[in-house]
Protein backbone atom coordinates (compact mmCIF):
# COMPACT_ATOMS: atom_id res chain seq x y z
CA UNK A 1 -30.59 44.03 1.51
CA UNK A 2 -32.13 41.55 -1.11
CA UNK A 3 -32.84 38.53 0.49
CA UNK A 4 -33.35 35.78 -2.46
CA UNK A 5 -31.83 33.20 -3.12
CA UNK A 6 -31.29 33.72 -7.72
CA UNK A 7 -30.16 37.37 -5.92
CA UNK A 8 -27.62 36.43 -4.16
CA UNK A 9 -26.26 33.70 -6.88
CA UNK A 10 -23.15 35.30 -7.59
CA UNK A 11 -22.35 34.93 -3.59
CA UNK A 12 -23.51 32.00 -3.40
CA UNK A 13 -21.12 30.27 -6.28
CA UNK A 14 -18.37 31.82 -5.07
CA UNK A 15 -18.74 30.54 -1.16
CA UNK A 16 -18.74 27.09 -3.55
CA UNK A 17 -15.48 27.88 -5.44
CA UNK A 18 -13.56 28.59 -2.28
CA UNK A 19 -15.56 26.47 0.71
CA UNK A 20 -15.20 23.36 -1.29
CA UNK A 21 -11.84 23.82 -3.50
CA UNK A 22 -13.90 23.93 -6.90
CA UNK A 23 -10.37 23.68 -9.59
CA UNK A 24 -11.50 26.29 -12.36
CA UNK A 25 -11.91 23.53 -15.34
CA UNK A 26 -14.65 22.22 -13.33
CA UNK A 27 -16.21 25.31 -12.04
CA UNK A 28 -16.48 27.10 -15.05
CA UNK A 29 -17.76 23.88 -16.65
CA UNK A 30 -20.64 22.76 -14.22
CA UNK A 31 -20.85 25.36 -11.67
CA UNK A 32 -20.81 28.68 -13.77
CA UNK A 33 -23.59 27.80 -16.43
CA UNK A 34 -26.35 26.80 -13.33
CA UNK A 35 -28.77 29.21 -12.81
CA UNK A 36 -31.61 29.31 -10.15
CA UNK A 37 -34.83 28.55 -12.08
CA UNK A 38 -37.35 29.61 -9.43
CA UNK A 39 -37.84 29.39 -5.73
CA UNK A 40 -39.95 29.53 -3.25
CA UNK A 41 -39.97 30.06 0.81
CA UNK A 42 -38.55 26.81 1.53
CA UNK A 43 -37.57 25.29 -1.71
CA UNK A 44 -35.18 26.37 -4.87
CA UNK A 45 -34.90 25.10 -8.37
CA UNK A 46 -31.90 25.24 -10.05
CA UNK A 47 -31.46 25.00 -14.24
CA UNK A 48 -28.90 22.17 -15.83
CA UNK A 49 -28.10 24.16 -19.34
CA UNK A 50 -26.57 20.16 -20.48
CA UNK A 51 -28.89 17.61 -19.63
CA UNK A 52 -25.63 15.38 -20.33
CA UNK A 53 -23.93 16.90 -16.81
CA UNK A 54 -27.12 16.01 -14.87
CA UNK A 55 -26.40 13.30 -12.80
CA UNK A 56 -22.90 14.60 -12.54
CA UNK A 57 -23.64 17.78 -11.23
CA UNK A 58 -26.43 16.17 -8.73
CA UNK A 59 -24.13 13.66 -7.72
CA UNK A 60 -20.72 15.54 -7.67
CA UNK A 61 -21.96 18.53 -6.78
CA UNK A 62 -25.41 19.30 -5.32
CA UNK A 63 -24.52 18.63 -1.39
CA UNK A 64 -21.74 21.48 -2.39
CA UNK A 65 -25.10 23.95 -3.69
CA UNK A 66 -26.84 22.67 -1.12
CA UNK A 67 -24.77 23.54 1.65
CA UNK A 68 -23.61 27.31 -0.41
CA UNK A 69 -27.11 28.16 -0.54
CA UNK A 70 -28.12 27.77 3.66
CA UNK A 71 -24.34 29.57 4.27
CA UNK A 72 -25.59 32.11 2.56
CA UNK A 73 -28.87 32.53 2.79
CA UNK A 74 -28.79 31.42 6.45
CA UNK A 75 -31.64 29.07 6.43
CA UNK A 76 -31.62 25.07 4.61
CA UNK A 77 -33.74 24.80 1.48
CA UNK A 78 -34.88 21.57 -0.60
CA UNK A 79 -32.19 22.20 -3.80
CA UNK A 80 -34.26 20.51 -6.93
CA UNK A 81 -32.47 20.20 -10.17
CA UNK A 82 -34.08 20.54 -13.89
CA UNK A 83 -32.19 20.35 -17.49
CA UNK A 84 -33.38 22.61 -19.87
CA UNK A 85 -35.68 19.84 -21.75
CA UNK A 86 -37.96 19.62 -18.88
CA UNK A 87 -37.99 23.40 -18.36
CA UNK A 88 -39.92 23.29 -22.03
CA UNK A 89 -42.09 20.99 -21.85
């Protein structure tokens, strides 16, 4: 059993889509492009590729992402977000 958030990301996305009833256009636009950028035993950093969506994703989907990660992983992680721009500096 692989127990990293990154290796379980597809399961996390599926929980996010189904449990929080995110419609396909929103899911495909805002959620599918998200990637796990890094993780340690207590936190996960998620890469938001389009920095224009950063505040929207944090405010609208942040708690859903947090809950979905916890549901799949069985423990709470601190969720951090980073954009391509800040990841490359």
